[in-house]
C-alpha atoms as a PDB file:
ATOM      1  CA  MET A   1      79.128 142.581  47.443  1.00  0.00           C
ATOM      2  CA  LYS A   2      78.845 145.645  49.625  1.00  0.00           C
ATOM      3  CA  SER A   3      80.879 148.528  50.977  1.00  0.00           C
ATOM      4  CA  PHE A   4      84.034 147.343  52.684  1.00  0.00           C
ATOM      5  CA  ILE A   5      84.811 148.533  56.210  1.00  0.00           C
ATOM      6  CA  PRO A   6      87.229 146.678  58.498  1.00  0.00           C
ATOM      7  CA  THR A   7      85.266 145.027  61.292  1.00  0.00           C
ATOM      8  CA  ILE A   8      85.814 142.912  64.384  1.00  0.00           C
ATOM      9  CA  LEU A   9      84.282 139.497  63.916  1.00  0.00           C
ATOM     10  CA  VAL A  10      82.053 138.350  66.741  1.00  0.00           C
ATOM     11  CA  ALA A  11      79.965 135.602  65.174  1.00  0.00           C
ATOM     12  CA  ALA A  12      80.849 131.974  65.758  1.00  0.00           C
ATOM     13  CA  ALA A  13      80.198 128.830  63.767  1.00  0.00           C
ATOM     14  CA  THR A  14      80.479 125.149  64.480  1.00  0.00           C
ATOM     15  CA  ALA A  15      84.102 124.134  64.096  1.00  0.00           C
ATOM     16  CA  VAL A  16      85.120 121.478  61.616  1.00  0.00           C
ATOM     17  CA  SER A  17      88.143 119.284  62.252  1.00  0.00           C
ATOM     18  CA  ALA A  18      91.174 120.395  60.308  1.00  0.00           C
ATOM     19  CA  ILE A  19      92.592 118.172  57.598  1.00  0.00           C
ATOM     20  CA  PRO A  20      96.269 118.481  56.608  1.00  0.00           C
ATOM     21  CA  ILE A  21      97.118 120.857  53.797  1.00  0.00           C
ATOM     22  CA  VAL A  22      98.144 119.226  50.542  1.00  0.00           C
ATOM     23  CA  SER A  23     101.780 120.049  49.797  1.00  0.00           C
ATOM     24  CA  PRO A  24     102.820 121.555  47.505  1.00  0.00           C
ATOM     25  CA  ALA A  25      99.731 123.743  47.198  1.00  0.00           C
ATOM     26  CA  PRO A  26      98.042 123.789  43.792  1.00  0.00           C
ATOM     27  CA  THR A  27      98.514 126.853  41.635  1.00  0.00           C
ATOM     28  CA  TYR A  28      96.034 128.752  39.521  1.00  0.00           C
ATOM     29  CA  SER A  29      96.646 130.140  36.053  1.00  0.00           C
ATOM     30  CA  TYR A  30      95.326 133.367  34.564  1.00  0.00           C
ATOM     31  CA  ASN A  31      91.716 133.760  33.540  1.00  0.00           C
ATOM     32  CA  ALA A  32      89.290 136.540  32.669  1.00  0.00           C
ATOM     33  CA  GLY A  33      85.767 135.575  33.609  1.00  0.00           C
ATOM     34  CA  PHE A  34      82.421 136.557  35.081  1.00  0.00           C
ATOM     35  CA  ASN A  35      80.315 135.884  38.141  1.00  0.00           C
ATOM     36  CA  MET A  36      77.021 134.253  37.182  1.00  0.00           C
ATOM     37  CA  GLY A  37      73.860 133.631  39.202  1.00  0.00           C
ATOM     38  CA  ALA A  38      71.814 130.444  39.257  1.00  0.00           C
ATOM     39  CA  GLN A  39      68.402 132.007  38.682  1.00  0.00           C
ATOM     40  CA  LYS A  40      66.586 133.161  35.594  1.00  0.00           C
ATOM     41  CA  PRO A  41      65.157 136.713  35.523  1.00  0.00           C
ATOM     42  CA  ASP A  42      61.821 135.470  36.860  1.00  0.00           C
ATOM     43  CA  GLY A  43      63.561 133.945  39.887  1.00  0.00           C
ATOM     44  CA  SER A  44      63.195 130.311  38.822  1.00  0.00           C
ATOM     45  CA  CYS A  45      66.223 128.023  38.781  1.00  0.00           C
ATOM     46  CA  LYS A  46      68.278 127.530  35.640  1.00  0.00           C
ATOM     47  CA  THR A  47      68.098 124.187  33.881  1.00  0.00           C
ATOM     48  CA  THR A  48      71.083 122.608  32.177  1.00  0.00           C
ATOM     49  CA  ALA A  49      69.833 124.081  28.901  1.00  0.00           C
ATOM     50  CA  ASP A  50      69.693 127.540  30.498  1.00  0.00           C
ATOM     51  CA  TRP A  51      73.226 127.243  31.836  1.00  0.00           C
ATOM     52  CA  GLN A  52      74.500 126.086  28.463  1.00  0.00           C
ATOM     53  CA  ALA A  53      72.833 128.992  26.681  1.00  0.00           C
ATOM     54  CA  ASP A  54      74.288 131.483  29.172  1.00  0.00           C
ATOM     55  CA  PHE A  55      77.793 130.021  29.003  1.00  0.00           C
ATOM     56  CA  SER A  56      77.665 130.056  25.199  1.00  0.00           C
ATOM     57  CA  THR A  57      76.460 133.661  25.130  1.00  0.00           C
ATOM     58  CA  VAL A  58      79.386 134.873  27.227  1.00  0.00           C
ATOM     59  CA  MET A  59      81.966 132.760  25.430  1.00  0.00           C
ATOM     60  CA  ALA A  60      80.887 134.441  22.198  1.00  0.00           C
ATOM     61  CA  TRP A  61      81.942 137.788  23.702  1.00  0.00           C
ATOM     62  CA  GLY A  62      85.582 136.726  23.511  1.00  0.00           C
ATOM     63  CA  PRO A  63      87.715 133.568  23.579  1.00  0.00           C
ATOM     64  CA  GLN A  64      89.197 134.548  26.961  1.00  0.00           C
ATOM     65  CA  TYR A  65      85.827 134.352  28.733  1.00  0.00           C
ATOM     66  CA  ARG A  66      85.595 130.625  29.444  1.00  0.00           C
ATOM     67  CA  THR A  67      85.604 130.506  33.241  1.00  0.00           C
ATOM     68  CA  PHE A  68      82.557 131.258  35.381  1.00  0.00           C
ATOM     69  CA  LYS A  69      82.402 131.851  39.123  1.00  0.00           C
ATOM     70  CA  LEU A  70      79.193 130.468  40.617  1.00  0.00           C
ATOM     71  CA  PHE A  71      77.959 131.315  44.094  1.00  0.00           C
ATOM     72  CA  ALA A  72      76.692 127.955  45.349  1.00  0.00           C
ATOM     73  CA  THR A  73      76.829 124.225  44.753  1.00  0.00           C
ATOM     74  CA  SER A  74      73.473 123.030  46.120  1.00  0.00           C
ATOM     75  CA  ASP A  75      71.138 126.036  45.708  1.00  0.00           C
ATOM     76  CA  CYS A  76      69.000 125.599  42.599  1.00  0.00           C
ATOM     77  CA  ASP A  77      70.909 122.334  42.009  1.00  0.00           C
ATOM     78  CA  THR A  78      73.632 124.627  40.698  1.00  0.00           C
ATOM     79  CA  LEU A  79      76.382 122.107  40.043  1.00  0.00           C
ATOM     80  CA  LYS A  80      74.005 119.286  39.147  1.00  0.00           C
ATOM     81  CA  ASN A  81      72.670 121.423  36.287  1.00  0.00           C
ATOM     82  CA  ALA A  82      75.657 123.623  35.432  1.00  0.00           C
ATOM     83  CA  VAL A  83      78.453 121.051  35.212  1.00  0.00           C
ATOM     84  CA  PRO A  84      77.018 119.100  32.226  1.00  0.00           C
ATOM     85  CA  ALA A  85      76.401 122.419  30.491  1.00  0.00           C
ATOM     86  CA  ALA A  86      79.996 123.524  31.067  1.00  0.00           C
ATOM     87  CA  GLN A  87      81.297 120.210  29.777  1.00  0.00           C
ATOM     88  CA  ASN A  88      79.137 120.500  26.670  1.00  0.00           C
ATOM     89  CA  VAL A  89      80.609 123.885  25.691  1.00  0.00           C
ATOM     90  CA  GLY A  90      84.139 123.569  27.094  1.00  0.00           C
ATOM     91  CA  ALA A  91      83.681 126.055  29.938  1.00  0.00           C
ATOM     92  CA  LYS A  92      85.231 125.914  33.410  1.00  0.00           C
ATOM     93  CA  ILE A  93      83.488 126.557  36.726  1.00  0.00           C
ATOM     94  CA  TRP A  94      84.853 128.178  39.865  1.00  0.00           C
ATOM     95  CA  ALA A  95      82.516 126.728  42.498  1.00  0.00           C
ATOM     96  CA  GLY A  96      81.342 128.625  45.549  1.00  0.00           C
ATOM     97  CA  VAL A  97      80.623 126.766  48.802  1.00  0.00           C
ATOM     98  CA  TRP A  98      78.528 128.697  51.319  1.00  0.00           C
ATOM     99  CA  ALA A  99      80.134 128.567  54.753  1.00  0.00           C
ATOM    100  CA  VAL A 100      77.137 129.250  56.991  1.00  0.00           C
ATOM    101  CA  ASP A 101      75.240 127.879  58.668  1.00  0.00           C
ATOM    102  CA  ALA A 102      76.604 124.419  59.497  1.00  0.00           C
ATOM    103  CA  ASN A 103      73.727 122.628  57.768  1.00  0.00           C
ATOM    104  CA  LYS A 104      74.170 124.799  54.677  1.00  0.00           C
ATOM    105  CA  PHE A 105      77.910 124.111  54.594  1.00  0.00           C
ATOM    106  CA  THR A 106      77.256 120.368  54.782  1.00  0.00           C
ATOM    107  CA  ALA A 107      74.708 120.511  51.953  1.00  0.00           C
ATOM    108  CA  GLU A 108      77.096 122.552  49.817  1.00  0.00           C
ATOM    109  CA  LYS A 109      80.016 120.211  50.466  1.00  0.00           C
ATOM    110  CA  ASN A 110      77.871 117.192  49.659  1.00  0.00           C
ATOM    111  CA  ALA A 111      76.732 118.742  46.360  1.00  0.00           C
ATOM    112  CA  LEU A 112      80.338 119.482  45.434  1.00  0.00           C
ATOM    113  CA  GLU A 113      81.354 115.915  46.215  1.00  0.00           C
ATOM    114  CA  ALA A 114      78.473 114.536  44.168  1.00  0.00           C
ATOM    115  CA  ALA A 115      79.442 116.656  41.153  1.00  0.00           C
ATOM    116  CA  ILE A 116      83.073 115.548  41.275  1.00  0.00           C
ATOM    117  CA  ARG A 117      82.133 111.889  41.689  1.00  0.00           C
ATOM    118  CA  ALA A 118      79.716 112.141  38.762  1.00  0.00           C
ATOM    119  CA  HIS A 119      81.847 114.215  36.368  1.00  0.00           C
ATOM    120  CA  GLY A 120      85.461 114.097  37.524  1.00  0.00           C
ATOM    121  CA  SER A 121      87.281 117.372  38.181  1.00  0.00           C
ATOM    122  CA  GLU A 122      88.388 118.617  34.751  1.00  0.00           C
ATOM    123  CA  TRP A 123      85.491 121.091  34.680  1.00  0.00           C
ATOM    124  CA  LEU A 124      86.529 122.583  38.035  1.00  0.00           C
ATOM    125  CA  ALA A 125      88.795 125.631  37.892  1.00  0.00           C
ATOM    126  CA  GLY A 126      88.765 126.102  41.666  1.00  0.00           C
ATOM    127  CA  ILE A 127      86.632 126.500  44.773  1.00  0.00           C
ATOM    128  CA  ASN A 128      85.986 129.268  47.252  1.00  0.00           C
ATOM    129  CA  VAL A 129      84.668 128.402  50.708  1.00  0.00           C
ATOM    130  CA  GLY A 130      82.722 131.386  52.012  1.00  0.00           C
ATOM    131  CA  SER A 131      81.645 134.525  50.174  1.00  0.00           C
ATOM    132  CA  GLU A 132      82.062 137.663  52.293  1.00  0.00           C
ATOM    133  CA  SER A 133      81.235 135.615  55.384  1.00  0.00           C
ATOM    134  CA  LEU A 134      83.953 137.394  57.362  1.00  0.00           C
ATOM    135  CA  TYR A 135      82.754 140.800  56.230  1.00  0.00           C
ATOM    136  CA  ARG A 136      79.197 140.015  57.322  1.00  0.00           C
ATOM    137  CA  LYS A 137      80.473 138.725  60.719  1.00  0.00           C
ATOM    138  CA  GLU A 138      78.784 135.361  60.119  1.00  0.00           C
ATOM    139  CA  ILE A 139      81.738 133.205  61.179  1.00  0.00           C
ATOM    140  CA  THR A 140      85.084 133.473  62.913  1.00  0.00           C
ATOM    141  CA  GLY A 141      88.292 133.301  60.939  1.00  0.00           C
ATOM    142  CA  HIS A 142      89.267 130.180  62.877  1.00  0.00           C
ATOM    143  CA  ASP A 143      86.083 128.293  62.026  1.00  0.00           C
ATOM    144  CA  LEU A 144      86.165 129.365  58.389  1.00  0.00           C
ATOM    145  CA  ALA A 145      89.759 128.145  58.124  1.00  0.00           C
ATOM    146  CA  GLN A 146      88.684 124.740  59.447  1.00  0.00           C
ATOM    147  CA  GLN A 147      85.983 124.560  56.758  1.00  0.00           C
ATOM    148  CA  ILE A 148      88.571 125.377  54.111  1.00  0.00           C
ATOM    149  CA  TYR A 149      90.810 122.559  55.371  1.00  0.00           C
ATOM    150  CA  ASP A 150      87.762 120.283  55.368  1.00  0.00           C
ATOM    151  CA  VAL A 151      86.992 120.997  51.702  1.00  0.00           C
ATOM    152  CA  LYS A 152      90.661 120.740  50.740  1.00  0.00           C
ATOM    153  CA  GLY A 153      90.895 117.346  52.364  1.00  0.00           C
ATOM    154  CA  MET A 154      87.783 116.118  50.607  1.00  0.00           C
ATOM    155  CA  VAL A 155      88.657 117.430  47.145  1.00  0.00           C
ATOM    156  CA  GLN A 156      92.432 117.213  47.012  1.00  0.00           C
ATOM    157  CA  ILE A 157      92.908 114.003  49.015  1.00  0.00           C
ATOM    158  CA  SER A 158      89.738 111.924  49.279  1.00  0.00           C
ATOM    159  CA  LEU A 159      88.495 112.680  45.754  1.00  0.00           C
ATOM    160  CA  GLY A 160      91.958 112.637  44.196  1.00  0.00           C
ATOM    161  CA  ALA A 161      92.005 116.144  42.704  1.00  0.00           C
ATOM    162  CA  PRO A 162      95.189 117.662  44.192  1.00  0.00           C
ATOM    163  CA  SER A 163      95.509 120.269  41.431  1.00  0.00           C
ATOM    164  CA  VAL A 164      92.202 121.994  42.283  1.00  0.00           C
ATOM    165  CA  PRO A 165      92.910 125.128  44.353  1.00  0.00           C
ATOM    166  CA  VAL A 166      90.662 125.923  47.313  1.00  0.00           C
ATOM    167  CA  GLY A 167      90.350 129.508  48.455  1.00  0.00           C
ATOM    168  CA  CYS A 168      87.982 131.984  50.030  1.00  0.00           C
ATOM    169  CA  ALA A 169      86.226 135.064  48.630  1.00  0.00           C
ATOM    170  CA  ASP A 170      85.960 138.137  50.819  1.00  0.00           C
ATOM    171  CA  THR A 171      86.305 141.902  50.764  1.00  0.00           C
ATOM    172  CA  TRP A 172      89.715 143.458  50.467  1.00  0.00           C
ATOM    173  CA  THR A 173      89.265 145.039  53.902  1.00  0.00           C
ATOM    174  CA  MET A 174      88.885 141.604  55.450  1.00  0.00           C
ATOM    175  CA  TRP A 175      91.989 140.242  53.729  1.00  0.00           C
ATOM    176  CA  VAL A 176      94.071 142.982  55.348  1.00  0.00           C
ATOM    177  CA  HIS A 177      92.318 142.508  58.721  1.00  0.00           C
ATOM    178  CA  PRO A 178      93.983 140.513  61.546  1.00  0.00           C
ATOM    179  CA  ASN A 179      90.866 138.363  61.893  1.00  0.00           C
ATOM    180  CA  SER A 180      91.610 136.728  58.529  1.00  0.00           C
ATOM    181  CA  THR A 181      95.085 135.485  59.531  1.00  0.00           C
ATOM    182  CA  GLU A 182      94.074 131.825  59.853  1.00  0.00           C
ATOM    183  CA  VAL A 183      92.067 132.018  56.629  1.00  0.00           C
ATOM    184  CA  ARG A 184      95.048 133.477  54.750  1.00  0.00           C
ATOM    185  CA  GLU A 185      97.133 130.569  55.995  1.00  0.00           C
ATOM    186  CA  ALA A 186      94.530 127.951  55.044  1.00  0.00           C
ATOM    187  CA  VAL A 187      93.781 128.977  51.463  1.00  0.00           C
ATOM    188  CA  ASP A 188      95.605 128.032  48.290  1.00  0.00           C
ATOM    189  CA  VAL A 189      94.393 131.241  46.646  1.00  0.00           C
ATOM    190  CA  VAL A 190      92.899 134.555  47.783  1.00  0.00           C
ATOM    191  CA  LEU A 191      89.798 135.892  46.017  1.00  0.00           C
ATOM    192  CA  MET A 192      89.460 139.626  46.713  1.00  0.00           C
ATOM    193  CA  ASN A 193      86.182 141.505  46.230  1.00  0.00           C
ATOM    194  CA  GLY A 194      86.610 145.224  45.625  1.00  0.00           C
ATOM    195  CA  PHE A 195      83.963 147.722  44.491  1.00  0.00           C
ATOM    196  CA  PRO A 196      84.980 151.385  44.237  1.00  0.00           C
ATOM    197  CA  TYR A 197      81.278 152.197  43.835  1.00  0.00           C
ATOM    198  CA  TRP A 198      80.651 150.947  47.392  1.00  0.00           C
ATOM    199  CA  GLN A 199      83.564 153.085  48.571  1.00  0.00           C
ATOM    200  CA  GLY A 200      81.805 156.161  47.237  1.00  0.00           C
ATOM    201  CA  ALA A 201      84.353 156.732  44.491  1.00  0.00           C
ATOM    202  CA  THR A 202      83.755 159.043  41.586  1.00  0.00           C
ATOM    203  CA  ILE A 203      84.415 157.387  38.278  1.00  0.00           C
ATOM    204  CA  GLU A 204      87.507 159.589  37.932  1.00  0.00           C
ATOM    205  CA  THR A 205      89.024 158.135  41.119  1.00  0.00           C
ATOM    206  CA  ALA A 206      87.611 154.605  40.874  1.00  0.00           C
ATOM    207  CA  ASN A 207      90.512 152.955  39.087  1.00  0.00           C
ATOM    208  CA  ASP A 208      93.158 154.301  41.489  1.00  0.00           C
ATOM    209  CA  ILE A 209      91.064 153.243  44.485  1.00  0.00           C
ATOM    210  CA  PHE A 210      90.523 149.787  43.001  1.00  0.00           C
ATOM    211  CA  PHE A 211      94.190 149.131  42.304  1.00  0.00           C
ATOM    212  CA  LYS A 212      95.144 150.398  45.754  1.00  0.00           C
ATOM    213  CA  SER A 213      92.833 147.736  47.211  1.00  0.00           C
ATOM    214  CA  ILE A 214      94.686 145.145  45.126  1.00  0.00           C
ATOM    215  CA  ALA A 215      98.075 146.422  46.293  1.00  0.00           C
ATOM    216  CA  ASP A 216      96.992 146.483  49.944  1.00  0.00           C
ATOM    217  CA  THR A 217      95.609 142.941  49.705  1.00  0.00           C
ATOM    218  CA  LYS A 218      98.709 141.563  48.010  1.00  0.00           C
ATOM    219  CA  ALA A 219     100.861 143.172  50.696  1.00  0.00           C
ATOM    220  CA  ALA A 220      98.864 141.345  53.373  1.00  0.00           C
ATOM    221  CA  ILE A 221      98.626 137.818  51.950  1.00  0.00           C
ATOM    222  CA  GLY A 222     102.268 136.835  51.919  1.00  0.00           C
ATOM    223  CA  GLY A 223     102.711 135.844  48.304  1.00  0.00           C
ATOM    224  CA  LYS A 224      99.608 133.649  48.042  1.00  0.00           C
ATOM    225  CA  PRO A 225      98.097 133.395  44.536  1.00  0.00           C
ATOM    226  CA  PHE A 226      95.605 136.194  43.991  1.00  0.00           C
ATOM    227  CA  ILE A 227      92.355 136.576  42.041  1.00  0.00           C
ATOM    228  CA  VAL A 228      89.920 139.466  41.851  1.00  0.00           C
ATOM    229  CA  GLY A 229      86.791 137.589  42.892  1.00  0.00           C
ATOM    230  CA  GLU A 230      84.343 140.416  42.244  1.00  0.00           C
ATOM    231  CA  THR A 231      84.447 143.960  40.917  1.00  0.00           C
ATOM    232  CA  GLY A 232      82.068 145.963  38.782  1.00  0.00           C
ATOM    233  CA  TRP A 233      79.910 149.058  38.487  1.00  0.00           C
ATOM    234  CA  PRO A 234      76.088 149.381  38.545  1.00  0.00           C
ATOM    235  CA  THR A 235      74.138 151.091  35.784  1.00  0.00           C
ATOM    236  CA  LYS A 236      70.965 152.095  37.648  1.00  0.00           C
ATOM    237  CA  GLY A 237      70.030 153.138  41.165  1.00  0.00           C
ATOM    238  CA  ASP A 238      70.969 155.784  43.671  1.00  0.00           C
ATOM    239  CA  ASN A 239      74.259 157.622  43.897  1.00  0.00           C
ATOM    240  CA  PHE A 240      76.367 156.391  46.787  1.00  0.00           C
ATOM    241  CA  VAL A 241      78.385 158.477  49.223  1.00  0.00           C
ATOM    242  CA  SER A 242      80.510 156.515  51.680  1.00  0.00           C
ATOM    243  CA  PRO A 243      80.111 157.545  55.321  1.00  0.00           C
ATOM    244  CA  ASP A 244      83.785 156.717  55.824  1.00  0.00           C
ATOM    245  CA  THR A 245      85.096 159.133  53.203  1.00  0.00           C
ATOM    246  CA  PRO A 246      83.164 162.389  53.718  1.00  0.00           C
ATOM    247  CA  GLY A 247      83.652 164.999  51.053  1.00  0.00           C
ATOM    248  CA  THR A 248      84.299 162.490  48.291  1.00  0.00           C
ATOM    249  CA  GLY A 249      81.996 161.013  45.681  1.00  0.00           C
ATOM    250  CA  PRO A 250      79.320 160.445  44.919  1.00  0.00           C
ATOM    251  CA  ALA A 251      79.591 157.160  43.074  1.00  0.00           C
ATOM    252  CA  VAL A 252      77.137 157.426  40.186  1.00  0.00           C
ATOM    253  CA  PRO A 253      75.491 154.399  38.536  1.00  0.00           C
ATOM    254  CA  SER A 254      75.346 154.670  34.744  1.00  0.00           C
ATOM    255  CA  ILE A 255      76.155 152.753  31.594  1.00  0.00           C
ATOM    256  CA  ALA A 256      78.787 155.363  30.743  1.00  0.00           C
ATOM    257  CA  ASN A 257      80.523 154.812  34.081  1.00  0.00           C
ATOM    258  CA  LEU A 258      80.381 151.030  33.692  1.00  0.00           C
ATOM    259  CA  GLN A 259      82.035 151.450  30.303  1.00  0.00           C
ATOM    260  CA  THR A 260      84.734 153.660  31.807  1.00  0.00           C
ATOM    261  CA  PHE A 261      85.372 151.286  34.696  1.00  0.00           C
ATOM    262  CA  TRP A 262      85.597 148.315  32.329  1.00  0.00           C
ATOM    263  CA  ARG A 263      88.110 150.077  30.087  1.00  0.00           C
ATOM    264  CA  GLN A 264      90.169 151.251  33.048  1.00  0.00           C
ATOM    265  CA  ALA A 265      89.979 148.321  35.472  1.00  0.00           C
ATOM    266  CA  ALA A 266      89.033 145.207  33.507  1.00  0.00           C
ATOM    267  CA  CYS A 267      91.304 146.061  30.600  1.00  0.00           C
ATOM    268  CA  ALA A 268      94.205 146.753  32.979  1.00  0.00           C
ATOM    269  CA  LEU A 269      93.606 143.434  34.728  1.00  0.00           C
ATOM    270  CA  GLN A 270      93.778 141.688  31.366  1.00  0.00           C
ATOM    271  CA  SER A 271      96.899 143.513  30.225  1.00  0.00           C
ATOM    272  CA  GLN A 272      98.627 142.821  33.565  1.00  0.00           C
ATOM    273  CA  LYS A 273      97.455 139.177  33.563  1.00  0.00           C
ATOM    274  CA  ILE A 274      95.753 139.494  36.937  1.00  0.00           C
ATOM    275  CA  PRO A 275      93.037 136.810  37.115  1.00  0.00           C
ATOM    276  CA  PHE A 276      89.563 138.237  37.664  1.00  0.00           C
ATOM    277  CA  PHE A 277      85.834 137.542  37.704  1.00  0.00           C
ATOM    278  CA  PHE A 278      83.808 140.630  36.817  1.00  0.00           C
ATOM    279  CA  PHE A 279      80.523 141.205  38.620  1.00  0.00           C
ATOM    280  CA  SER A 280      78.266 140.502  36.954  1.00  0.00           C
ATOM    281  CA  THR A 281      77.297 138.795  33.741  1.00  0.00           C
ATOM    282  CA  PHE A 282      73.632 139.734  33.346  1.00  0.00           C
ATOM    283  CA  ASP A 283      71.275 142.042  35.225  1.00  0.00           C
ATOM    284  CA  GLU A 284      69.280 140.154  37.839  1.00  0.00           C
ATOM    285  CA  PRO A 285      65.791 141.626  38.317  1.00  0.00           C
ATOM    286  CA  GLN A 286      65.000 139.015  40.965  1.00  0.00           C
ATOM    287  CA  ARG A 287      67.449 140.686  43.382  1.00  0.00           C
ATOM    288  CA  ASP A 288      66.455 143.385  45.885  1.00  0.00           C
ATOM    289  CA  GLY A 289      66.898 147.039  44.910  1.00  0.00           C
ATOM    290  CA  ASP A 290      67.922 148.869  41.771  1.00  0.00           C
ATOM    291  CA  ILE A 291      71.649 148.715  42.502  1.00  0.00           C
ATOM    292  CA  GLU A 292      71.798 144.953  43.076  1.00  0.00           C
ATOM    293  CA  GLN A 293      69.592 144.317  40.051  1.00  0.00           C
ATOM    294  CA  ASN A 294      71.733 146.311  37.638  1.00  0.00           C
ATOM    295  CA  PHE A 295      75.342 145.181  37.979  1.00  0.00           C
ATOM    296  CA  GLY A 296      75.392 143.197  34.720  1.00  0.00           C
ATOM    297  CA  VAL A 297      77.572 144.041  31.748  1.00  0.00           C
ATOM    298  CA  ALA A 298      74.531 142.793  29.835  1.00  0.00           C
ATOM    299  CA  THR A 299      70.809 143.193  30.367  1.00  0.00           C
ATOM    300  CA  SER A 300      68.672 140.369  31.728  1.00  0.00           C
ATOM    301  CA  ASP A 301      67.788 139.475  28.131  1.00  0.00           C
ATOM    302  CA  LYS A 302      71.520 139.008  27.392  1.00  0.00           C
ATOM    303  CA  GLN A 303      72.205 142.197  25.405  1.00  0.00           C
ATOM    304  CA  LEU A 304      75.587 143.774  26.140  1.00  0.00           C
ATOM    305  CA  LYS A 305      75.336 147.292  27.575  1.00  0.00           C
ATOM    306  CA  ILE A 306      78.960 148.188  26.794  1.00  0.00           C
ATOM    307  CA  SER A 307      81.851 147.270  24.553  1.00  0.00           C
ATOM    308  CA  LEU A 308      84.205 144.721  26.100  1.00  0.00           C
ATOM    309  CA  GLN A 309      87.031 145.619  23.737  1.00  0.00           C
ATOM    310  CA  CYS A 310      90.249 146.800  25.329  1.00  0.00           C
END
């Protein structure tokens, strides 16, 4: 989750044979949820008990917060440990499958398959293949689309879960970029990441900038179902001025600005019934740098920094 600048993709990845799209495509209903990492504050991997405690903590914040977007399937045995926890508390998981490199993609796909074979698919809200892989120039749009078809074929056809939508998570600038054309065609749902902080927005302009990114993305994706995959505001770290918008900003990290952005953006998403996953649930001190460590709506010891009331 970084600043979003349209780029020309030059990286290539090993192509995966396309598998026919399931028709009609599955749909996705509204949810308000959070992105959640697989590590504890000390950097160790969460156990099933840890996942269950974290899911329960967030679900106590409000009955609408029952869906959690996770970033991997195999790292830290994410699905192996998180799925039983979600089933125990009645939570849903949006699973993330890393797209690169080829060996990583295979490991992630295998872990997803193992979780579905072991637990069925009722726990699975959806899947994204790739997380800002286009933005980071790690893979071509063509090769990422083939991976999406690959996962769709496995989940929706081979594993008999045709109602599970498969999408991709990337920055709003990549969704409006020509290099994402094949990805837009392949997905059942578009997950858009948009951070006004990384665009150098002041808190006074952040909401307008955020909703413009939504409008621009929706205009580019041809009526595909849409989810805000990530948005949020940091509470500590340096001010940020975007090199692409001189004379604006700076974007200022603070608890007060997180509260304002939640009340403006997250509350509007809820009132307009736009599905979203806020970034992030808890602060993550194991990450690099003050900004990345302090994107949680709660501290690393699970204490809310702001009011989530709308």
